[in-house]
Amino acid sequence: MARLWDGSTGEHLSTLKGHSGPIWSVAFSPDSRQVATGSKDKTAQLWNGSTGEHVSTLEGHSGPIWSVAFSPDSCRVTMGSLDNTVRLWDAAMEQGLQTIKNAQFFSPTFLFFISSDSPCVLQDFCGRPLCWFANDFSIEKCLFSPNERFVVITTTRNQVLTIDLSSISLKSLL
């Protein structure tokens, strides 16, 4: 379960109940109209951002959902799962749009595909590759800047890498 609070007053508005397992990820849509929760129960759920009322359950993953995110226009929601897929949904129509296999990290706009026998690839949700680089390390964490211009990556080789998406350049910080 998750709780919805008024950020101005601190007043408890609602308790979001519906998952049968622990909630691992929560995201507000940028327009604050919806909340998405992702759970160990292999589902994501959409909630009304004002009232906490349950809107829908998004199913289809075979593993727990570890991350949920909305697109900047609040129209799409993405769910990342331990089954190594990302599912893209139309948030208003509650309809699945795309399933992407072998995606390891994602933002509302970009995906990283990581494979042990091929380069890492950064692509957009339309399938256009933006950049790739040799996969001679394992990525531990991947964070997108709020404006999605930069990606910061930490690796198992104790490296911190950045990708400037405006110029598609990879730089090592450490």
N, C-alpha and C. Protein backbone atom coordinates (compact mmCIF):
# COMPACT_ATOMS: atom_id res chain seq x y z
N MET A 1 0.84 -1.17 0.00
CA MET A 1 0.00 0.00 0.00
C MET A 1 0.88 1.24 0.00
N ALA A 2 0.34 2.31 -0.51
CA ALA A 2 1.01 3.61 -0.51
C ALA A 2 0.01 4.64 0.00
N ARG A 3 0.53 5.73 0.51
CA ARG A 3 -0.34 6.78 1.03
C ARG A 3 -0.16 8.05 0.21
N LEU A 4 -1.26 8.73 -0.02
CA LEU A 4 -1.27 9.98 -0.77
C LEU A 4 -1.48 11.11 0.23
N TRP A 5 -0.57 12.10 0.20
CA TRP A 5 -0.60 13.22 1.14
C TRP A 5 -0.70 14.53 0.38
N ASP A 6 -1.32 15.53 0.99
CA ASP A 6 -1.34 16.87 0.45
C ASP A 6 0.01 17.51 0.77
N GLY A 7 0.76 17.89 -0.26
CA GLY A 7 2.09 18.44 -0.05
C GLY A 7 2.10 19.79 0.64
N SER A 8 1.01 20.53 0.54
CA SER A 8 0.94 21.86 1.17
C SER A 8 0.57 21.79 2.64
N THR A 9 -0.40 20.94 2.95
CA THR A 9 -0.93 20.90 4.32
C THR A 9 -0.41 19.73 5.14
N GLY A 10 0.10 18.71 4.45
CA GLY A 10 0.52 17.50 5.17
C GLY A 10 -0.64 16.58 5.51
N GLU A 11 -1.81 16.92 5.02
CA GLU A 11 -3.01 16.13 5.31
C GLU A 11 -3.00 14.81 4.52
N HIS A 12 -3.32 13.71 5.22
CA HIS A 12 -3.44 12.41 4.57
C HIS A 12 -4.71 12.41 3.73
N LEU A 13 -4.56 12.15 2.41
CA LEU A 13 -5.71 12.19 1.51
C LEU A 13 -6.31 10.82 1.25
N SER A 14 -5.44 9.82 1.08
CA SER A 14 -5.94 8.51 0.70
C SER A 14 -4.86 7.46 0.89
N THR A 15 -5.28 6.22 1.06
CA THR A 15 -4.38 5.08 1.08
C THR A 15 -4.64 4.28 -0.19
N LEU A 16 -3.59 4.06 -0.95
CA LEU A 16 -3.70 3.34 -2.22
C LEU A 16 -3.53 1.85 -1.96
N LYS A 17 -4.64 1.14 -1.93
CA LYS A 17 -4.63 -0.30 -1.67
C LYS A 17 -5.07 -1.03 -2.92
N GLY A 18 -4.38 -2.11 -3.23
CA GLY A 18 -4.77 -2.88 -4.39
C GLY A 18 -3.72 -3.90 -4.81
N HIS A 19 -2.47 -3.64 -4.48
CA HIS A 19 -1.42 -4.60 -4.82
C HIS A 19 -1.41 -5.75 -3.81
N SER A 20 -1.03 -6.92 -4.29
CA SER A 20 -0.92 -8.09 -3.40
C SER A 20 0.51 -8.29 -2.91
N GLY A 21 1.43 -7.44 -3.35
CA GLY A 21 2.82 -7.51 -2.92
C GLY A 21 3.33 -6.11 -2.62
N PRO A 22 4.58 -6.01 -2.15
CA PRO A 22 5.16 -4.70 -1.84
C PRO A 22 5.24 -3.80 -3.08
N ILE A 23 5.06 -2.51 -2.88
CA ILE A 23 5.20 -1.52 -3.95
C ILE A 23 6.67 -1.13 -4.02
N TRP A 24 7.26 -1.25 -5.21
CA TRP A 24 8.68 -0.95 -5.41
C TRP A 24 8.92 0.39 -6.08
N SER A 25 7.88 0.96 -6.71
CA SER A 25 8.08 2.21 -7.41
C SER A 25 6.78 3.00 -7.45
N VAL A 26 6.90 4.32 -7.34
CA VAL A 26 5.75 5.22 -7.40
C VAL A 26 6.14 6.42 -8.25
N ALA A 27 5.21 6.91 -9.09
CA ALA A 27 5.48 8.10 -9.89
C ALA A 27 4.19 8.90 -10.05
N PHE A 28 4.31 10.22 -9.92
CA PHE A 28 3.23 11.12 -10.28
C PHE A 28 3.38 11.49 -11.74
N SER A 29 2.25 11.63 -12.45
CA SER A 29 2.32 12.17 -13.80
C SER A 29 2.69 13.65 -13.69
N PRO A 30 3.38 14.20 -14.69
CA PRO A 30 3.78 15.61 -14.61
C PRO A 30 2.60 16.57 -14.41
N ASP A 31 1.41 16.21 -14.89
CA ASP A 31 0.25 17.08 -14.68
C ASP A 31 -0.45 16.78 -13.34
N SER A 32 0.09 15.84 -12.57
CA SER A 32 -0.40 15.46 -11.24
C SER A 32 -1.79 14.83 -11.24
N ARG A 33 -2.30 14.48 -12.39
CA ARG A 33 -3.64 13.88 -12.44
C ARG A 33 -3.64 12.39 -12.10
N GLN A 34 -2.50 11.73 -12.29
CA GLN A 34 -2.44 10.30 -12.02
C GLN A 34 -1.20 9.94 -11.22
N VAL A 35 -1.31 8.83 -10.51
CA VAL A 35 -0.18 8.22 -9.80
C VAL A 35 -0.08 6.80 -10.34
N ALA A 36 1.14 6.35 -10.60
CA ALA A 36 1.38 4.96 -11.00
C ALA A 36 2.17 4.29 -9.89
N THR A 37 1.82 3.05 -9.58
CA THR A 37 2.60 2.25 -8.62
C THR A 37 3.01 0.96 -9.32
N GLY A 38 4.22 0.50 -9.05
CA GLY A 38 4.72 -0.77 -9.58
C GLY A 38 5.05 -1.67 -8.42
N SER A 39 4.75 -2.96 -8.55
CA SER A 39 4.82 -3.85 -7.40
C SER A 39 5.51 -5.18 -7.72
N LYS A 40 5.89 -5.83 -6.62
CA LYS A 40 6.42 -7.19 -6.71
C LYS A 40 5.37 -8.15 -7.23
N ASP A 41 4.09 -7.76 -7.17
CA ASP A 41 3.00 -8.64 -7.65
C ASP A 41 2.88 -8.69 -9.17
N LYS A 42 3.86 -8.04 -9.89
CA LYS A 42 3.95 -8.08 -11.35
C LYS A 42 2.94 -7.17 -12.05
N THR A 43 2.32 -6.25 -11.32
CA THR A 43 1.38 -5.32 -11.91
C THR A 43 1.78 -3.88 -11.61
N ALA A 44 1.29 -2.99 -12.46
CA ALA A 44 1.32 -1.56 -12.17
C ALA A 44 -0.13 -1.14 -12.02
N GLN A 45 -0.36 -0.16 -11.18
CA GLN A 45 -1.72 0.33 -11.01
C GLN A 45 -1.72 1.84 -11.19
N LEU A 46 -2.79 2.33 -11.79
CA LEU A 46 -2.98 3.76 -11.97
C LEU A 46 -4.04 4.23 -10.99
N TRP A 47 -3.80 5.41 -10.42
CA TRP A 47 -4.67 6.00 -9.40
C TRP A 47 -4.95 7.44 -9.76
N ASN A 48 -6.10 7.95 -9.34
CA ASN A 48 -6.41 9.36 -9.48
C ASN A 48 -5.48 10.14 -8.56
N GLY A 49 -4.77 11.13 -9.09
CA GLY A 49 -3.79 11.86 -8.30
C GLY A 49 -4.37 12.78 -7.25
N SER A 50 -5.63 13.10 -7.35
CA SER A 50 -6.28 13.97 -6.36
C SER A 50 -7.00 13.20 -5.28
N THR A 51 -7.72 12.16 -5.70
CA THR A 51 -8.57 11.43 -4.75
C THR A 51 -7.97 10.12 -4.27
N GLY A 52 -7.02 9.57 -5.03
CA GLY A 52 -6.47 8.26 -4.70
C GLY A 52 -7.34 7.11 -5.17
N GLU A 53 -8.39 7.42 -5.90
CA GLU A 53 -9.29 6.36 -6.41
C GLU A 53 -8.55 5.51 -7.44
N HIS A 54 -8.75 4.18 -7.35
CA HIS A 54 -8.12 3.24 -8.29
C HIS A 54 -8.72 3.45 -9.67
N VAL A 55 -7.84 3.58 -10.70
CA VAL A 55 -8.29 3.80 -12.07
C VAL A 55 -8.19 2.50 -12.87
N SER A 56 -7.03 1.84 -12.81
CA SER A 56 -6.87 0.60 -13.57
C SER A 56 -5.64 -0.17 -13.11
N THR A 57 -5.62 -1.45 -13.49
CA THR A 57 -4.47 -2.32 -13.24
C THR A 57 -3.87 -2.68 -14.58
N LEU A 58 -2.56 -2.48 -14.72
CA LEU A 58 -1.84 -2.78 -15.96
C LEU A 58 -1.05 -4.06 -15.75
N GLU A 59 -1.37 -5.08 -16.55
CA GLU A 59 -0.78 -6.40 -16.38
C GLU A 59 0.00 -6.80 -17.61
N GLY A 60 0.78 -7.86 -17.48
CA GLY A 60 1.48 -8.41 -18.63
C GLY A 60 2.92 -8.82 -18.35
N HIS A 61 3.50 -8.31 -17.27
CA HIS A 61 4.87 -8.69 -16.94
C HIS A 61 4.89 -10.05 -16.26
N SER A 62 6.00 -10.78 -16.47
CA SER A 62 6.17 -12.07 -15.80
C SER A 62 7.10 -11.96 -14.60
N GLY A 63 7.54 -10.74 -14.29
CA GLY A 63 8.40 -10.50 -13.13
C GLY A 63 7.94 -9.25 -12.40
N PRO A 64 8.46 -9.04 -11.21
CA PRO A 64 8.10 -7.85 -10.44
C PRO A 64 8.44 -6.56 -11.20
N ILE A 65 7.67 -5.53 -10.96
CA ILE A 65 7.89 -4.24 -11.60
C ILE A 65 8.72 -3.39 -10.67
N TRP A 66 9.90 -2.98 -11.13
CA TRP A 66 10.83 -2.24 -10.30
C TRP A 66 10.84 -0.75 -10.60
N SER A 67 10.19 -0.32 -11.68
CA SER A 67 10.21 1.09 -12.00
C SER A 67 9.00 1.48 -12.84
N VAL A 68 8.42 2.63 -12.52
CA VAL A 68 7.35 3.22 -13.32
C VAL A 68 7.70 4.69 -13.57
N ALA A 69 7.30 5.20 -14.73
CA ALA A 69 7.55 6.60 -15.07
C ALA A 69 6.52 7.07 -16.09
N PHE A 70 6.19 8.35 -16.03
CA PHE A 70 5.28 8.95 -17.00
C PHE A 70 6.08 9.73 -18.04
N SER A 71 5.53 9.85 -19.23
CA SER A 71 6.11 10.71 -20.26
C SER A 71 5.92 12.17 -19.84
N PRO A 72 6.73 13.08 -20.39
CA PRO A 72 6.60 14.49 -20.03
C PRO A 72 5.21 15.07 -20.27
N ASP A 73 4.47 14.53 -21.25
CA ASP A 73 3.12 15.04 -21.53
C ASP A 73 2.03 14.30 -20.73
N SER A 74 2.43 13.39 -19.85
CA SER A 74 1.53 12.62 -18.98
C SER A 74 0.65 11.63 -19.74
N CYS A 75 0.88 11.44 -21.03
CA CYS A 75 0.02 10.57 -21.84
C CYS A 75 0.43 9.10 -21.82
N ARG A 76 1.72 8.83 -21.53
CA ARG A 76 2.20 7.45 -21.54
C ARG A 76 2.78 7.13 -20.17
N VAL A 77 2.70 5.86 -19.81
CA VAL A 77 3.36 5.37 -18.61
C VAL A 77 4.22 4.18 -19.02
N THR A 78 5.44 4.13 -18.49
CA THR A 78 6.34 3.02 -18.76
C THR A 78 6.53 2.22 -17.49
N MET A 79 6.66 0.91 -17.65
CA MET A 79 6.88 -0.01 -16.53
C MET A 79 8.09 -0.86 -16.86
N GLY A 80 9.08 -0.87 -15.98
CA GLY A 80 10.25 -1.72 -16.13
C GLY A 80 10.18 -2.87 -15.17
N SER A 81 10.49 -4.07 -15.63
CA SER A 81 10.31 -5.27 -14.82
C SER A 81 11.58 -6.10 -14.75
N LEU A 82 11.64 -6.92 -13.71
CA LEU A 82 12.75 -7.86 -13.58
C LEU A 82 12.68 -8.97 -14.63
N ASP A 83 11.63 -9.00 -15.45
CA ASP A 83 11.59 -9.94 -16.57
C ASP A 83 12.36 -9.39 -17.78
N ASN A 84 13.10 -8.27 -17.57
CA ASN A 84 13.94 -7.62 -18.58
C ASN A 84 13.13 -7.05 -19.75
N THR A 85 11.92 -6.61 -19.47
CA THR A 85 11.14 -5.90 -20.48
C THR A 85 10.66 -4.57 -19.91
N VAL A 86 10.41 -3.67 -20.82
CA VAL A 86 9.75 -2.41 -20.50
C VAL A 86 8.47 -2.40 -21.31
N ARG A 87 7.37 -2.07 -20.66
CA ARG A 87 6.09 -1.96 -21.35
C ARG A 87 5.67 -0.49 -21.35
N LEU A 88 5.23 -0.05 -22.52
CA LEU A 88 4.76 1.31 -22.71
C LEU A 88 3.25 1.27 -22.85
N TRP A 89 2.56 2.10 -22.05
CA TRP A 89 1.10 2.12 -22.04
C TRP A 89 0.59 3.51 -22.34
N ASP A 90 -0.58 3.57 -22.97
CA ASP A 90 -1.33 4.81 -23.11
C ASP A 90 -2.05 5.01 -21.78
N ALA A 91 -1.71 6.05 -21.04
CA ALA A 91 -2.24 6.24 -19.69
C ALA A 91 -3.74 6.54 -19.69
N ALA A 92 -4.23 7.23 -20.70
CA ALA A 92 -5.65 7.58 -20.75
C ALA A 92 -6.51 6.40 -21.21
N MET A 93 -6.04 5.69 -22.23
CA MET A 93 -6.82 4.58 -22.80
C MET A 93 -6.57 3.27 -22.05
N GLU A 94 -5.56 3.27 -21.15
CA GLU A 94 -5.18 2.07 -20.40
C GLU A 94 -4.91 0.91 -21.34
N GLN A 95 -4.18 1.22 -22.41
CA GLN A 95 -3.92 0.27 -23.48
C GLN A 95 -2.42 0.11 -23.67
N GLY A 96 -1.97 -1.15 -23.77
CA GLY A 96 -0.57 -1.42 -24.04
C GLY A 96 -0.19 -0.98 -25.44
N LEU A 97 0.93 -0.27 -25.55
CA LEU A 97 1.38 0.22 -26.85
C LEU A 97 2.57 -0.56 -27.39
N GLN A 98 3.48 -0.94 -26.49
CA GLN A 98 4.71 -1.57 -26.95
C GLN A 98 5.35 -2.33 -25.80
N THR A 99 5.99 -3.46 -26.12
CA THR A 99 6.81 -4.21 -25.17
C THR A 99 8.21 -4.27 -25.74
N ILE A 100 9.17 -3.84 -24.95
CA ILE A 100 10.56 -3.81 -25.39
C ILE A 100 11.34 -4.82 -24.56
N LYS A 101 11.99 -5.78 -25.23
CA LYS A 101 12.75 -6.82 -24.53
C LYS A 101 14.18 -6.37 -24.31
N ASN A 102 14.80 -6.90 -23.27
CA ASN A 102 16.20 -6.65 -22.91
C ASN A 102 16.49 -5.20 -22.56
N ALA A 103 15.48 -4.42 -22.25
CA ALA A 103 15.71 -3.05 -21.80
C ALA A 103 16.04 -3.10 -20.32
N GLN A 104 17.11 -2.48 -19.94
CA GLN A 104 17.57 -2.53 -18.56
C GLN A 104 17.23 -1.27 -17.79
N PHE A 105 17.35 -0.12 -18.42
CA PHE A 105 17.10 1.15 -17.78
C PHE A 105 16.28 2.00 -18.73
N PHE A 106 15.44 2.86 -18.19
CA PHE A 106 14.64 3.68 -19.06
C PHE A 106 14.24 4.97 -18.38
N SER A 107 13.88 5.93 -19.20
CA SER A 107 13.23 7.15 -18.76
C SER A 107 11.94 7.21 -19.58
N PRO A 108 11.12 8.22 -19.41
CA PRO A 108 9.92 8.28 -20.25
C PRO A 108 10.22 8.41 -21.74
N THR A 109 11.44 8.79 -22.11
CA THR A 109 11.77 9.02 -23.51
C THR A 109 12.81 8.06 -24.07
N PHE A 110 13.73 7.58 -23.23
CA PHE A 110 14.86 6.79 -23.72
C PHE A 110 14.93 5.42 -23.06
N LEU A 111 15.57 4.48 -23.76
CA LEU A 111 15.80 3.13 -23.27
C LEU A 111 17.26 2.75 -23.43
N PHE A 112 17.80 2.00 -22.47
CA PHE A 112 19.10 1.37 -22.63
C PHE A 112 18.88 -0.12 -22.82
N PHE A 113 19.46 -0.68 -23.87
CA PHE A 113 19.46 -2.12 -24.09
C PHE A 113 20.85 -2.62 -23.76
N ILE A 114 20.95 -3.56 -22.87
CA ILE A 114 22.25 -4.05 -22.45
C ILE A 114 22.29 -5.55 -22.65
N SER A 115 23.29 -6.00 -23.36
CA SER A 115 23.44 -7.42 -23.63
C SER A 115 24.89 -7.81 -23.37
N SER A 116 25.12 -9.04 -22.94
CA SER A 116 26.49 -9.48 -22.65
C SER A 116 27.29 -9.73 -23.92
N ASP A 117 26.62 -9.90 -25.07
CA ASP A 117 27.35 -10.22 -26.29
C ASP A 117 27.24 -9.14 -27.37
N SER A 118 26.79 -7.95 -27.01
CA SER A 118 26.70 -6.88 -27.99
C SER A 118 26.85 -5.53 -27.29
N PRO A 119 27.02 -4.45 -28.06
CA PRO A 119 27.18 -3.13 -27.44
C PRO A 119 25.93 -2.69 -26.68
N CYS A 120 26.13 -1.77 -25.73
CA CYS A 120 25.01 -1.10 -25.09
C CYS A 120 24.42 -0.13 -26.11
N VAL A 121 23.12 -0.05 -26.16
CA VAL A 121 22.46 0.84 -27.12
C VAL A 121 21.49 1.74 -26.37
N LEU A 122 21.54 3.03 -26.68
CA LEU A 122 20.55 3.97 -26.19
C LEU A 122 19.65 4.29 -27.37
N GLN A 123 18.34 4.10 -27.21
CA GLN A 123 17.43 4.40 -28.30
C GLN A 123 16.20 5.09 -27.75
N ASP A 124 15.44 5.72 -28.65
CA ASP A 124 14.19 6.32 -28.23
C ASP A 124 13.08 5.28 -28.35
N PHE A 125 11.88 5.62 -27.88
CA PHE A 125 10.79 4.65 -27.89
C PHE A 125 10.28 4.34 -29.29
N CYS A 126 10.70 5.11 -30.29
CA CYS A 126 10.32 4.80 -31.67
C CYS A 126 11.28 3.80 -32.29
N GLY A 127 12.30 3.38 -31.53
CA GLY A 127 13.24 2.39 -32.03
C GLY A 127 14.46 2.97 -32.71
N ARG A 128 14.60 4.30 -32.72
CA ARG A 128 15.76 4.92 -33.37
C ARG A 128 16.96 4.87 -32.43
N PRO A 129 18.05 4.19 -32.84
CA PRO A 129 19.25 4.19 -32.00
C PRO A 129 19.86 5.59 -31.96
N LEU A 130 20.25 6.03 -30.77
CA LEU A 130 20.87 7.34 -30.61
C LEU A 130 22.37 7.22 -30.42
N CYS A 131 22.81 6.20 -29.70
CA CYS A 131 24.24 5.95 -29.55
C CYS A 131 24.44 4.54 -29.02
N TRP A 132 25.64 4.03 -29.15
CA TRP A 132 26.01 2.74 -28.59
C TRP A 132 27.48 2.78 -28.23
N PHE A 133 27.86 1.91 -27.32
CA PHE A 133 29.26 1.85 -26.92
C PHE A 133 29.56 0.43 -26.47
N ALA A 134 30.85 0.09 -26.49
CA ALA A 134 31.28 -1.27 -26.16
C ALA A 134 30.83 -1.64 -24.75
N ASN A 135 30.42 -2.87 -24.62
CA ASN A 135 29.92 -3.36 -23.34
C ASN A 135 31.00 -4.17 -22.65
N ASP A 136 32.08 -3.48 -22.23
CA ASP A 136 33.15 -4.19 -21.53
C ASP A 136 33.05 -3.99 -20.03
N PHE A 137 31.86 -3.67 -19.56
CA PHE A 137 31.59 -3.49 -18.13
C PHE A 137 30.12 -3.77 -17.89
N SER A 138 29.75 -3.88 -16.65
CA SER A 138 28.34 -4.02 -16.28
C SER A 138 27.87 -2.70 -15.68
N ILE A 139 26.70 -2.30 -16.06
CA ILE A 139 26.12 -1.06 -15.54
C ILE A 139 25.39 -1.38 -14.25
N GLU A 140 25.74 -0.64 -13.20
CA GLU A 140 25.07 -0.82 -11.91
C GLU A 140 23.87 0.09 -11.77
N LYS A 141 24.00 1.33 -12.20
CA LYS A 141 22.94 2.31 -12.04
C LYS A 141 22.95 3.25 -13.24
N CYS A 142 21.79 3.71 -13.61
CA CYS A 142 21.64 4.62 -14.73
C CYS A 142 20.61 5.67 -14.33
N LEU A 143 20.99 6.94 -14.36
CA LEU A 143 20.09 8.02 -13.98
C LEU A 143 20.01 9.05 -15.09
N PHE A 144 18.80 9.47 -15.40
CA PHE A 144 18.58 10.51 -16.38
C PHE A 144 18.37 11.83 -15.65
N SER A 145 18.94 12.92 -16.19
CA SER A 145 18.70 14.23 -15.60
C SER A 145 17.23 14.59 -15.82
N PRO A 146 16.67 15.48 -14.98
CA PRO A 146 15.24 15.82 -15.13
C PRO A 146 14.86 16.32 -16.53
N ASN A 147 15.76 17.02 -17.19
CA ASN A 147 15.47 17.49 -18.55
C ASN A 147 15.86 16.47 -19.61
N GLU A 148 16.35 15.32 -19.19
CA GLU A 148 16.76 14.20 -20.05
C GLU A 148 17.87 14.57 -21.03
N ARG A 149 18.67 15.58 -20.70
CA ARG A 149 19.80 15.92 -21.56
C ARG A 149 21.00 15.05 -21.25
N PHE A 150 21.16 14.66 -19.98
CA PHE A 150 22.31 13.88 -19.57
C PHE A 150 21.89 12.54 -18.96
N VAL A 151 22.74 11.54 -19.15
CA VAL A 151 22.59 10.25 -18.50
C VAL A 151 23.87 10.03 -17.70
N VAL A 152 23.75 9.64 -16.46
CA VAL A 152 24.91 9.31 -15.62
C VAL A 152 24.86 7.82 -15.36
N ILE A 153 25.98 7.14 -15.56
CA ILE A 153 26.06 5.69 -15.43
C ILE A 153 27.17 5.35 -14.45
N THR A 154 26.90 4.43 -13.52
CA THR A 154 27.98 3.87 -12.69
C THR A 154 28.18 2.43 -13.13
N THR A 155 29.46 2.00 -13.14
CA THR A 155 29.77 0.67 -13.64
C THR A 155 30.45 -0.18 -12.57
N THR A 156 30.52 -1.47 -12.85
CA THR A 156 31.19 -2.40 -11.94
C THR A 156 32.70 -2.20 -11.95
N ARG A 157 33.22 -1.39 -12.83
CA ARG A 157 34.65 -1.07 -12.87
C ARG A 157 34.94 0.23 -12.12
N ASN A 158 34.02 0.62 -11.23
CA ASN A 158 34.16 1.85 -10.44
C ASN A 158 34.30 3.09 -11.30
N GLN A 159 33.61 3.12 -12.41
CA GLN A 159 33.60 4.26 -13.30
C GLN A 159 32.29 5.02 -13.14
N VAL A 160 32.35 6.32 -13.37
CA VAL A 160 31.15 7.13 -13.51
C VAL A 160 31.23 7.74 -14.90
N LEU A 161 30.25 7.43 -15.73
CA LEU A 161 30.21 7.90 -17.11
C LEU A 161 29.03 8.84 -17.30
N THR A 162 29.17 9.79 -18.20
CA THR A 162 28.04 10.63 -18.57
C THR A 162 27.87 10.59 -20.08
N ILE A 163 26.64 10.67 -20.50
CA ILE A 163 26.32 10.82 -21.91
C ILE A 163 25.56 12.13 -22.05
N ASP A 164 26.07 13.01 -22.89
CA ASP A 164 25.37 14.24 -23.22
C ASP A 164 24.50 13.92 -24.42
N LEU A 165 23.19 13.85 -24.22
CA LEU A 165 22.30 13.43 -25.29
C LEU A 165 22.12 14.49 -26.38
N SER A 166 22.49 15.74 -26.08
CA SER A 166 22.40 16.76 -27.12
C SER A 166 23.49 16.59 -28.18
N SER A 167 24.63 16.05 -27.77
CA SER A 167 25.73 15.84 -28.72
C SER A 167 26.07 14.35 -28.86
N ILE A 168 25.40 13.49 -28.10
CA ILE A 168 25.65 12.05 -28.07
C ILE A 168 27.13 11.77 -27.85
N SER A 169 27.67 12.34 -26.78
CA SER A 169 29.07 12.10 -26.45
C SER A 169 29.16 11.42 -25.09
N LEU A 170 30.05 10.43 -25.00
CA LEU A 170 30.29 9.67 -23.79
C LEU A 170 31.56 10.18 -23.14
N LYS A 171 31.49 10.48 -21.83
CA LYS A 171 32.66 10.97 -21.10
C LYS A 171 32.81 10.20 -19.81
N SER A 172 34.03 9.97 -19.42
CA SER A 172 34.30 9.32 -18.14
C SER A 172 34.61 10.39 -17.11
N LEU A 173 33.93 10.31 -15.95
CA LEU A 173 34.16 11.28 -14.89
C LEU A 173 35.22 10.78 -13.91
N LEU A 174 35.31 9.48 -13.73
CA LEU A 174 36.29 8.90 -12.80
C LEU A 174 37.04 7.78 -13.49
